[in-house]
């Protein structure tokens, strides 16, 4: 059995009209939630990426967690447009890049 060393999960739901994010424990307890603007990554990638980042960061802070620990979390995102072309790969790469900053 593999032990999960990531104590938090970020969940995200992003679409053309809005973005919702939650920070949860690995046992499923919701610690905090946040909402933001449009986040359709196929329509406007840069705006959507910014919205997803801001919304998840807002939820992380509301949960009372240190901002520099976000890269330790597991992210599970449901994003409008992720099924088109290489958009899913681009968002994965952008999230990895941001976690190194």
PDB file of N, CA and C in Angstrom:
ATOM      1  N   UNK A   1       0.840  -1.183   0.000  1.00  0.00           N
ATOM      2  CA  UNK A   1       0.000   0.000   0.000  1.00  0.00           C
ATOM      3  C   UNK A   1       0.884   1.245   0.000  1.00  0.00           C
ATOM      4  N   UNK A   2       0.596   2.168  -0.910  1.00  0.00           N
ATOM      5  CA  UNK A   2       1.374   3.400  -1.010  1.00  0.00           C
ATOM      6  C   UNK A   2       0.794   4.452  -0.073  1.00  0.00           C
ATOM      7  N   UNK A   3       1.660   5.128   0.660  1.00  0.00           N
ATOM      8  CA  UNK A   3       1.239   6.182   1.578  1.00  0.00           C
ATOM      9  C   UNK A   3       1.243   7.510   0.836  1.00  0.00           C
ATOM     10  N   UNK A   4       0.168   8.258   0.962  1.00  0.00           N
ATOM     11  CA  UNK A   4       0.063   9.567   0.323  1.00  0.00           C
ATOM     12  C   UNK A   4       0.714  10.615   1.224  1.00  0.00           C
ATOM     13  N   UNK A   5       1.767  11.245   0.732  1.00  0.00           N
ATOM     14  CA  UNK A   5       2.465  12.264   1.498  1.00  0.00           C
ATOM     15  C   UNK A   5       1.932  13.663   1.203  1.00  0.00           C
ATOM     16  N   UNK A   6       0.895  13.751   0.389  1.00  0.00           N
ATOM     17  CA  UNK A   6       0.257  15.024   0.073  1.00  0.00           C
ATOM     18  C   UNK A   6      -1.000  15.133   0.935  1.00  0.00           C
ATOM     19  N   UNK A   7      -0.967  15.947   1.978  1.00  0.00           N
ATOM     20  CA  UNK A   7      -2.093  15.973   2.910  1.00  0.00           C
ATOM     21  C   UNK A   7      -3.332  16.708   2.392  1.00  0.00           C
ATOM     22  N   UNK A   8      -3.225  17.406   1.255  1.00  0.00           N
ATOM     23  CA  UNK A   8      -4.354  18.193   0.762  1.00  0.00           C
ATOM     24  C   UNK A   8      -4.613  17.956  -0.712  1.00  0.00           C
ATOM     25  N   UNK A   9      -5.872  18.114  -1.070  1.00  0.00           N
ATOM     26  CA  UNK A   9      -6.298  17.998  -2.456  1.00  0.00           C
ATOM     27  C   UNK A   9      -6.997  19.303  -2.830  1.00  0.00           C
ATOM     28  N   UNK A  10      -6.628  19.838  -3.986  1.00  0.00           N
ATOM     29  CA  UNK A  10      -7.314  21.006  -4.533  1.00  0.00           C
ATOM     30  C   UNK A  10      -8.245  20.488  -5.623  1.00  0.00           C
ATOM     31  N   UNK A  11      -9.517  20.806  -5.514  1.00  0.00           N
ATOM     32  CA  UNK A  11     -10.453  20.445  -6.571  1.00  0.00           C
ATOM     33  C   UNK A  11     -10.880  21.719  -7.272  1.00  0.00           C
ATOM     34  N   UNK A  12     -11.033  21.628  -8.574  1.00  0.00           N
ATOM     35  CA  UNK A  12     -11.428  22.808  -9.335  1.00  0.00           C
ATOM     36  C   UNK A  12     -12.448  22.470 -10.400  1.00  0.00           C
ATOM     37  N   UNK A  13     -13.385  23.378 -10.603  1.00  0.00           N
ATOM     38  CA  UNK A  13     -14.406  23.252 -11.634  1.00  0.00           C
ATOM     39  C   UNK A  13     -14.398  24.567 -12.390  1.00  0.00           C
ATOM     40  N   UNK A  14     -13.893  24.555 -13.614  1.00  0.00           N
ATOM     41  CA  UNK A  14     -13.778  25.787 -14.377  1.00  0.00           C
ATOM     42  C   UNK A  14     -14.529  25.724 -15.686  1.00  0.00           C
ATOM     43  N   UNK A  15     -15.264  26.793 -15.960  1.00  0.00           N
ATOM     44  CA  UNK A  15     -16.012  26.872 -17.204  1.00  0.00           C
ATOM     45  C   UNK A  15     -16.105  28.299 -17.687  1.00  0.00           C
ATOM     46  N   UNK A  16     -16.907  28.504 -18.699  1.00  0.00           N
ATOM     47  CA  UNK A  16     -17.028  29.808 -19.318  1.00  0.00           C
ATOM     48  C   UNK A  16     -17.648  30.883 -18.445  1.00  0.00           C
ATOM     49  N   UNK A  17     -18.460  30.488 -17.467  1.00  0.00           N
ATOM     50  CA  UNK A  17     -19.107  31.490 -16.609  1.00  0.00           C
ATOM     51  C   UNK A  17     -18.492  31.615 -15.232  1.00  0.00           C
ATOM     52  N   UNK A  18     -17.661  30.661 -14.838  1.00  0.00           N
ATOM     53  CA  UNK A  18     -17.066  30.779 -13.515  1.00  0.00           C
ATOM     54  C   UNK A  18     -16.157  29.623 -13.155  1.00  0.00           C
ATOM     55  N   UNK A  19     -15.479  29.816 -12.043  1.00  0.00           N
ATOM     56  CA  UNK A  19     -14.526  28.837 -11.530  1.00  0.00           C
ATOM     57  C   UNK A  19     -14.812  28.639 -10.042  1.00  0.00           C
ATOM     58  N   UNK A  20     -14.840  27.382  -9.624  1.00  0.00           N
ATOM     59  CA  UNK A  20     -15.010  27.064  -8.218  1.00  0.00           C
ATOM     60  C   UNK A  20     -13.858  26.167  -7.785  1.00  0.00           C
ATOM     61  N   UNK A  21     -13.350  26.404  -6.601  1.00  0.00           N
ATOM     62  CA  UNK A  21     -12.240  25.595  -6.085  1.00  0.00           C
ATOM     63  C   UNK A  21     -12.512  25.244  -4.633  1.00  0.00           C
ATOM     64  N   UNK A  22     -11.994  24.101  -4.232  1.00  0.00           N
ATOM     65  CA  UNK A  22     -12.087  23.680  -2.835  1.00  0.00           C
ATOM     66  C   UNK A  22     -10.769  23.055  -2.430  1.00  0.00           C
ATOM     67  N   UNK A  23     -10.442  23.206  -1.163  1.00  0.00           N
ATOM     68  CA  UNK A  23      -9.279  22.547  -0.585  1.00  0.00           C
ATOM     69  C   UNK A  23      -9.827  21.510   0.384  1.00  0.00           C
ATOM     70  N   UNK A  24      -9.395  20.266   0.189  1.00  0.00           N
ATOM     71  CA  UNK A  24      -9.901  19.153   0.987  1.00  0.00           C
ATOM     72  C   UNK A  24      -8.744  18.358   1.584  1.00  0.00           C
ATOM     73  N   UNK A  25      -9.060  17.630   2.632  1.00  0.00           N
ATOM     74  CA  UNK A  25      -8.088  16.675   3.158  1.00  0.00           C
ATOM     75  C   UNK A  25      -8.178  15.412   2.318  1.00  0.00           C
ATOM     76  N   UNK A  26      -7.226  14.532   2.466  1.00  0.00           N
ATOM     77  CA  UNK A  26      -7.259  13.274   1.715  1.00  0.00           C
ATOM     78  C   UNK A  26      -8.386  12.365   2.201  1.00  0.00           C
ATOM     79  N   UNK A  27      -8.985  12.693   3.316  1.00  0.00           N
ATOM     80  CA  UNK A  27     -10.131  11.934   3.820  1.00  0.00           C
ATOM     81  C   UNK A  27     -11.454  12.532   3.343  1.00  0.00           C
ATOM     82  N   UNK A  28     -11.386  13.631   2.582  1.00  0.00           N
ATOM     83  CA  UNK A  28     -12.582  14.209   1.990  1.00  0.00           C
ATOM     84  C   UNK A  28     -13.201  15.386   2.725  1.00  0.00           C
ATOM     85  N   UNK A  29     -12.621  15.813   3.826  1.00  0.00           N
ATOM     86  CA  UNK A  29     -13.163  16.967   4.544  1.00  0.00           C
ATOM     87  C   UNK A  29     -12.849  18.246   3.774  1.00  0.00           C
ATOM     88  N   UNK A  30     -13.857  19.063   3.520  1.00  0.00           N
ATOM     89  CA  UNK A  30     -13.660  20.334   2.823  1.00  0.00           C
ATOM     90  C   UNK A  30     -13.213  21.381   3.832  1.00  0.00           C
ATOM     91  N   UNK A  31     -12.031  21.952   3.600  1.00  0.00           N
ATOM     92  CA  UNK A  31     -11.478  22.968   4.495  1.00  0.00           C
ATOM     93  C   UNK A  31     -11.899  24.373   4.100  1.00  0.00           C
ATOM     94  N   UNK A  32     -12.017  24.620   2.801  1.00  0.00           N
ATOM     95  CA  UNK A  32     -12.402  25.956   2.327  1.00  0.00           C
ATOM     96  C   UNK A  32     -12.798  25.874   0.864  1.00  0.00           C
ATOM     97  N   UNK A  33     -13.596  26.856   0.443  1.00  0.00           N
ATOM     98  CA  UNK A  33     -14.023  26.960  -0.945  1.00  0.00           C
ATOM     99  C   UNK A  33     -13.883  28.399  -1.404  1.00  0.00           C
ATOM    100  N   UNK A  34     -13.768  28.581  -2.723  1.00  0.00           N
ATOM    101  CA  UNK A  34     -13.693  29.930  -3.297  1.00  0.00           C
ATOM    102  C   UNK A  34     -14.292  29.899  -4.694  1.00  0.00           C
ATOM    103  N   UNK A  35     -14.706  31.083  -5.165  1.00  0.00           N
ATOM    104  CA  UNK A  35     -15.260  31.214  -6.507  1.00  0.00           C
ATOM    105  C   UNK A  35     -14.550  32.333  -7.245  1.00  0.00           C
ATOM    106  N   UNK A  36     -14.482  32.192  -8.563  1.00  0.00           N
ATOM    107  CA  UNK A  36     -13.835  33.199  -9.393  1.00  0.00           C
ATOM    108  C   UNK A  36     -14.542  33.345 -10.722  1.00  0.00           C
ATOM    109  N   UNK A  37     -13.916  34.061 -11.619  1.00  0.00           N
ATOM    110  CA  UNK A  37     -14.493  34.367 -12.920  1.00  0.00           C
ATOM    111  C   UNK A  37     -14.349  33.246 -13.928  1.00  0.00           C
ATOM    112  N   UNK A  38     -14.494  33.568 -15.220  1.00  0.00           N
ATOM    113  CA  UNK A  38     -14.451  32.579 -16.285  1.00  0.00           C
ATOM    114  C   UNK A  38     -13.138  31.792 -16.320  1.00  0.00           C
ATOM    115  N   UNK A  39     -13.242  30.501 -16.666  1.00  0.00           N
ATOM    116  CA  UNK A  39     -12.053  29.651 -16.689  1.00  0.00           C
ATOM    117  C   UNK A  39     -12.158  28.570 -17.763  1.00  0.00           C
ATOM    118  N   UNK A  40     -12.564  28.953 -18.970  1.00  0.00           N
ATOM    119  CA  UNK A  40     -12.586  28.004 -20.079  1.00  0.00           C
ATOM    120  C   UNK A  40     -11.219  28.063 -20.752  1.00  0.00           C
ATOM    121  N   UNK A  41     -10.415  27.025 -20.553  1.00  0.00           N
ATOM    122  CA  UNK A  41      -9.030  27.055 -21.017  1.00  0.00           C
ATOM    123  C   UNK A  41      -8.883  26.971 -22.530  1.00  0.00           C
ATOM    124  N   UNK A  42      -9.930  26.546 -23.232  1.00  0.00           N
ATOM    125  CA  UNK A  42      -9.855  26.493 -24.693  1.00  0.00           C
ATOM    126  C   UNK A  42     -10.208  27.834 -25.320  1.00  0.00           C
ATOM    127  N   UNK A  43     -11.056  28.593 -24.656  1.00  0.00           N
ATOM    128  CA  UNK A  43     -11.494  29.882 -25.186  1.00  0.00           C
ATOM    129  C   UNK A  43     -10.456  30.975 -24.970  1.00  0.00           C
ATOM    130  N   UNK A  44      -9.941  31.054 -23.743  1.00  0.00           N
ATOM    131  CA  UNK A  44      -8.948  32.081 -23.403  1.00  0.00           C
ATOM    132  C   UNK A  44      -8.004  31.488 -22.362  1.00  0.00           C
ATOM    133  N   UNK A  45      -6.965  30.833 -22.841  1.00  0.00           N
ATOM    134  CA  UNK A  45      -6.067  30.066 -21.982  1.00  0.00           C
ATOM    135  C   UNK A  45      -5.454  30.907 -20.868  1.00  0.00           C
ATOM    136  N   UNK A  46      -4.876  32.054 -21.197  1.00  0.00           N
ATOM    137  CA  UNK A  46      -4.169  32.862 -20.198  1.00  0.00           C
ATOM    138  C   UNK A  46      -5.112  33.395 -19.120  1.00  0.00           C
ATOM    139  N   UNK A  47      -6.284  33.880 -19.527  1.00  0.00           N
ATOM    140  CA  UNK A  47      -7.253  34.370 -18.551  1.00  0.00           C
ATOM    141  C   UNK A  47      -7.724  33.229 -17.659  1.00  0.00           C
ATOM    142  N   UNK A  48      -8.017  32.082 -18.274  1.00  0.00           N
ATOM    143  CA  UNK A  48      -8.474  30.928 -17.501  1.00  0.00           C
ATOM    144  C   UNK A  48      -7.400  30.472 -16.506  1.00  0.00           C
ATOM    145  N   UNK A  49      -6.158  30.412 -16.951  1.00  0.00           N
ATOM    146  CA  UNK A  49      -5.069  30.012 -16.061  1.00  0.00           C
ATOM    147  C   UNK A  49      -4.958  30.969 -14.878  1.00  0.00           C
ATOM    148  N   UNK A  50      -5.057  32.261 -15.158  1.00  0.00           N
ATOM    149  CA  UNK A  50      -5.017  33.250 -14.080  1.00  0.00           C
ATOM    150  C   UNK A  50      -6.175  33.091 -13.114  1.00  0.00           C
ATOM    151  N   UNK A  51      -7.362  32.853 -13.647  1.00  0.00           N
ATOM    152  CA  UNK A  51      -8.538  32.673 -12.795  1.00  0.00           C
ATOM    153  C   UNK A  51      -8.411  31.421 -11.939  1.00  0.00           C
ATOM    154  N   UNK A  52      -7.967  30.333 -12.532  1.00  0.00           N
ATOM    155  CA  UNK A  52      -7.793  29.078 -11.788  1.00  0.00           C
ATOM    156  C   UNK A  52      -6.767  29.269 -10.677  1.00  0.00           C
ATOM    157  N   UNK A  53      -5.668  29.922 -10.994  1.00  0.00           N
ATOM    158  CA  UNK A  53      -4.619  30.175 -10.004  1.00  0.00           C
ATOM    159  C   UNK A  53      -5.136  31.051  -8.865  1.00  0.00           C
ATOM    160  N   UNK A  54      -5.792  32.142  -9.197  1.00  0.00           N
ATOM    161  CA  UNK A  54      -6.313  33.054  -8.168  1.00  0.00           C
ATOM    162  C   UNK A  54      -7.365  32.374  -7.300  1.00  0.00           C
ATOM    163  N   UNK A  55      -8.258  31.614  -7.926  1.00  0.00           N
ATOM    164  CA  UNK A  55      -9.343  30.979  -7.176  1.00  0.00           C
ATOM    165  C   UNK A  55      -8.822  29.889  -6.255  1.00  0.00           C
ATOM    166  N   UNK A  56      -7.897  29.060  -6.744  1.00  0.00           N
ATOM    167  CA  UNK A  56      -7.358  28.017  -5.875  1.00  0.00           C
ATOM    168  C   UNK A  56      -6.506  28.609  -4.758  1.00  0.00           C
ATOM    169  N   UNK A  57      -5.774  29.669  -5.058  1.00  0.00           N
ATOM    170  CA  UNK A  57      -4.979  30.340  -4.022  1.00  0.00           C
ATOM    171  C   UNK A  57      -5.885  30.944  -2.956  1.00  0.00           C
ATOM    172  N   UNK A  58      -6.980  31.535  -3.374  1.00  0.00           N
ATOM    173  CA  UNK A  58      -7.944  32.113  -2.428  1.00  0.00           C
ATOM    174  C   UNK A  58      -8.497  31.025  -1.497  1.00  0.00           C
ATOM    175  N   UNK A  59      -8.846  29.864  -2.053  1.00  0.00           N
ATOM    176  CA  UNK A  59      -9.349  28.763  -1.221  1.00  0.00           C
ATOM    177  C   UNK A  59      -8.264  28.271  -0.269  1.00  0.00           C
ATOM    178  N   UNK A  60      -7.031  28.194  -0.751  1.00  0.00           N
ATOM    179  CA  UNK A  60      -5.908  27.732   0.074  1.00  0.00           C
ATOM    180  C   UNK A  60      -5.710  28.655   1.278  1.00  0.00           C
ATOM    181  N   UNK A  61      -5.735  29.951   1.027  1.00  0.00           N
ATOM    182  CA  UNK A  61      -5.566  30.932   2.102  1.00  0.00           C
ATOM    183  C   UNK A  61      -6.744  30.865   3.077  1.00  0.00           C
ATOM    184  N   UNK A  62      -7.961  30.746   2.543  1.00  0.00           N
ATOM    185  CA  UNK A  62      -9.144  30.629   3.408  1.00  0.00           C
ATOM    186  C   UNK A  62      -9.063  29.399   4.309  1.00  0.00           C
ATOM    187  N   UNK A  63      -8.376  28.353   3.826  1.00  0.00           N
ATOM    188  CA  UNK A  63      -8.207  27.140   4.628  1.00  0.00           C
ATOM    189  C   UNK A  63      -7.182  27.324   5.733  1.00  0.00           C
ATOM    190  N   UNK A  64      -6.485  28.477   5.714  1.00  0.00           N
ATOM    191  CA  UNK A  64      -5.495  28.760   6.749  1.00  0.00           C
ATOM    192  C   UNK A  64      -4.151  28.096   6.498  1.00  0.00           C
ATOM    193  N   UNK A  65      -3.879  27.762   5.242  1.00  0.00           N
ATOM    194  CA  UNK A  65      -2.639  27.078   4.913  1.00  0.00           C
ATOM    195  C   UNK A  65      -1.603  28.061   4.386  1.00  0.00           C
ATOM    196  N   UNK A  66      -0.350  27.732   4.587  1.00  0.00           N
ATOM    197  CA  UNK A  66       0.746  28.573   4.114  1.00  0.00           C
ATOM    198  C   UNK A  66       0.817  28.507   2.588  1.00  0.00           C
ATOM    199  N   UNK A  67       0.903  29.651   1.955  1.00  0.00           N
ATOM    200  CA  UNK A  67       0.869  29.746   0.495  1.00  0.00           C
ATOM    201  C   UNK A  67       1.987  28.947  -0.173  1.00  0.00           C
ATOM    202  N   UNK A  68       3.138  28.871   0.448  1.00  0.00           N
ATOM    203  CA  UNK A  68       4.255  28.159  -0.175  1.00  0.00           C
ATOM    204  C   UNK A  68       4.109  26.639  -0.128  1.00  0.00           C
ATOM    205  N   UNK A  69       3.035  26.134   0.480  1.00  0.00           N
ATOM    206  CA  UNK A  69       2.812  24.690   0.528  1.00  0.00           C
ATOM    207  C   UNK A  69       1.876  24.200  -0.582  1.00  0.00           C
ATOM    208  N   UNK A  70       1.342  25.102  -1.398  1.00  0.00           N
ATOM    209  CA  UNK A  70       0.440  24.689  -2.474  1.00  0.00           C
ATOM    210  C   UNK A  70       1.066  23.617  -3.378  1.00  0.00           C
ATOM    211  N   UNK A  71       2.345  23.726  -3.754  1.00  0.00           N
ATOM    212  CA  UNK A  71       2.908  22.697  -4.646  1.00  0.00           C
ATOM    213  C   UNK A  71       2.888  21.276  -4.071  1.00  0.00           C
ATOM    214  N   UNK A  72       2.670  21.135  -2.774  1.00  0.00           N
ATOM    215  CA  UNK A  72       2.609  19.813  -2.160  1.00  0.00           C
ATOM    216  C   UNK A  72       1.255  19.137  -2.364  1.00  0.00           C
ATOM    217  N   UNK A  73       0.261  19.898  -2.802  1.00  0.00           N
ATOM    218  CA  UNK A  73      -1.096  19.368  -2.957  1.00  0.00           C
ATOM    219  C   UNK A  73      -1.254  18.598  -4.261  1.00  0.00           C
ATOM    220  N   UNK A  74      -2.253  17.767  -4.278  1.00  0.00           N
ATOM    221  CA  UNK A  74      -2.688  17.097  -5.492  1.00  0.00           C
ATOM    222  C   UNK A  74      -3.843  17.926  -6.047  1.00  0.00           C
ATOM    223  N   UNK A  75      -3.826  18.183  -7.343  1.00  0.00           N
ATOM    224  CA  UNK A  75      -4.912  18.949  -7.963  1.00  0.00           C
ATOM    225  C   UNK A  75      -5.741  18.039  -8.858  1.00  0.00           C
ATOM    226  N   UNK A  76      -7.056  18.145  -8.701  1.00  0.00           N
ATOM    227  CA  UNK A  76      -8.003  17.432  -9.547  1.00  0.00           C
ATOM    228  C   UNK A  76      -8.910  18.495 -10.144  1.00  0.00           C
ATOM    229  N   UNK A  77      -8.786  18.702 -11.471  1.00  0.00           N
ATOM    230  CA  UNK A  77      -9.493  19.800 -12.122  1.00  0.00           C
ATOM    231  C   UNK A  77     -10.425  19.287 -13.208  1.00  0.00           C
ATOM    232  N   UNK A  78     -11.625  19.824 -13.223  1.00  0.00           N
ATOM    233  CA  UNK A  78     -12.571  19.591 -14.301  1.00  0.00           C
ATOM    234  C   UNK A  78     -12.730  20.914 -15.030  1.00  0.00           C
ATOM    235  N   UNK A  79     -12.166  21.027 -16.222  1.00  0.00           N
ATOM    236  CA  UNK A  79     -12.109  22.308 -16.913  1.00  0.00           C
ATOM    237  C   UNK A  79     -12.741  22.228 -18.297  1.00  0.00           C
ATOM    238  N   UNK A  80     -13.630  23.164 -18.566  1.00  0.00           N
ATOM    239  CA  UNK A  80     -14.224  23.245 -19.892  1.00  0.00           C
ATOM    240  C   UNK A  80     -13.128  23.475 -20.920  1.00  0.00           C
ATOM    241  N   UNK A  81     -13.186  22.744 -22.002  1.00  0.00           N
ATOM    242  CA  UNK A  81     -12.207  22.891 -23.070  1.00  0.00           C
ATOM    243  C   UNK A  81     -10.999  21.998 -22.943  1.00  0.00           C
ATOM    244  N   UNK A  82     -10.863  21.268 -21.836  1.00  0.00           N
ATOM    245  CA  UNK A  82      -9.679  20.424 -21.635  1.00  0.00           C
ATOM    246  C   UNK A  82      -9.628  19.247 -22.602  1.00  0.00           C
ATOM    247  N   UNK A  83     -10.735  18.949 -23.234  1.00  0.00           N
ATOM    248  CA  UNK A  83     -10.787  17.826 -24.162  1.00  0.00           C
ATOM    249  C   UNK A  83     -10.424  18.214 -25.595  1.00  0.00           C
ATOM    250  N   UNK A  84     -10.059  19.453 -25.826  1.00  0.00           N
ATOM    251  CA  UNK A  84      -9.766  19.943 -27.174  1.00  0.00           C
ATOM    252  C   UNK A  84      -8.265  20.072 -27.419  1.00  0.00           C
ATOM    253  N   UNK A  85      -7.810  19.487 -28.498  1.00  0.00           N
ATOM    254  CA  UNK A  85      -6.414  19.637 -28.909  1.00  0.00           C
ATOM    255  C   UNK A  85      -5.427  19.314 -27.804  1.00  0.00           C
ATOM    256  N   UNK A  86      -4.440  20.191 -27.646  1.00  0.00           N
ATOM    257  CA  UNK A  86      -3.384  19.986 -26.648  1.00  0.00           C
ATOM    258  C   UNK A  86      -3.611  20.813 -25.386  1.00  0.00           C
ATOM    259  N   UNK A  87      -4.826  21.299 -25.196  1.00  0.00           N
ATOM    260  CA  UNK A  87      -5.119  22.207 -24.085  1.00  0.00           C
ATOM    261  C   UNK A  87      -4.848  21.551 -22.732  1.00  0.00           C
ATOM    262  N   UNK A  88      -5.220  20.292 -22.567  1.00  0.00           N
ATOM    263  CA  UNK A  88      -4.979  19.615 -21.286  1.00  0.00           C
ATOM    264  C   UNK A  88      -3.479  19.537 -20.987  1.00  0.00           C
ATOM    265  N   UNK A  89      -2.684  19.248 -21.994  1.00  0.00           N
ATOM    266  CA  UNK A  89      -1.233  19.182 -21.798  1.00  0.00           C
ATOM    267  C   UNK A  89      -0.672  20.549 -21.432  1.00  0.00           C
ATOM    268  N   UNK A  90      -1.213  21.600 -22.049  1.00  0.00           N
ATOM    269  CA  UNK A  90      -0.750  22.956 -21.754  1.00  0.00           C
ATOM    270  C   UNK A  90      -1.068  23.346 -20.317  1.00  0.00           C
ATOM    271  N   UNK A  91      -2.242  22.989 -19.819  1.00  0.00           N
ATOM    272  CA  UNK A  91      -2.595  23.349 -18.440  1.00  0.00           C
ATOM    273  C   UNK A  91      -1.741  22.552 -17.452  1.00  0.00           C
ATOM    274  N   UNK A  92      -1.476  21.285 -17.752  1.00  0.00           N
ATOM    275  CA  UNK A  92      -0.593  20.481 -16.887  1.00  0.00           C
ATOM    276  C   UNK A  92       0.796  21.112 -16.824  1.00  0.00           C
ATOM    277  N   UNK A  93       1.325  21.486 -17.957  1.00  0.00           N
ATOM    278  CA  UNK A  93       2.661  22.108 -17.999  1.00  0.00           C
ATOM    279  C   UNK A  93       2.669  23.420 -17.238  1.00  0.00           C
ATOM    280  N   UNK A  94       1.633  24.220 -17.393  1.00  0.00           N
ATOM    281  CA  UNK A  94       1.564  25.511 -16.705  1.00  0.00           C
ATOM    282  C   UNK A  94       1.487  25.317 -15.193  1.00  0.00           C
ATOM    283  N   UNK A  95       0.748  24.325 -14.743  1.00  0.00           N
ATOM    284  CA  UNK A  95       0.647  24.043 -13.289  1.00  0.00           C
ATOM    285  C   UNK A  95       1.988  23.564 -12.741  1.00  0.00           C
ATOM    286  N   UNK A  96       2.685  22.746 -13.490  1.00  0.00           N
ATOM    287  CA  UNK A  96       4.013  22.276 -13.038  1.00  0.00           C
ATOM    288  C   UNK A  96       4.981  23.441 -12.952  1.00  0.00           C
ATOM    289  N   UNK A  97       4.958  24.311 -13.943  1.00  0.00           N
ATOM    290  CA  UNK A  97       5.833  25.479 -13.955  1.00  0.00           C
ATOM    291  C   UNK A  97       5.545  26.368 -12.754  1.00  0.00           C
ATOM    292  N   UNK A  98       4.274  26.639 -12.473  1.00  0.00           N
ATOM    293  CA  UNK A  98       3.924  27.504 -11.356  1.00  0.00           C
ATOM    294  C   UNK A  98       4.299  26.870 -10.025  1.00  0.00           C
ATOM    295  N   UNK A  99       4.252  25.556  -9.925  1.00  0.00           N
ATOM    296  CA  UNK A  99       4.596  24.918  -8.649  1.00  0.00           C
ATOM    297  C   UNK A  99       6.081  24.992  -8.352  1.00  0.00           C
ATOM    298  N   UNK A 100       6.899  25.302  -9.369  1.00  0.00           N
ATOM    299  CA  UNK A 100       8.348  25.437  -9.165  1.00  0.00           C
ATOM    300  C   UNK A 100       8.749  26.854  -8.808  1.00  0.00           C
ATOM    301  N   UNK A 101       7.833  27.802  -8.951  1.00  0.00           N
ATOM    302  CA  UNK A 101       8.167  29.214  -8.694  1.00  0.00           C
ATOM    303  C   UNK A 101       8.139  29.514  -7.210  1.00  0.00           C
TER     304      UNK A 101
END
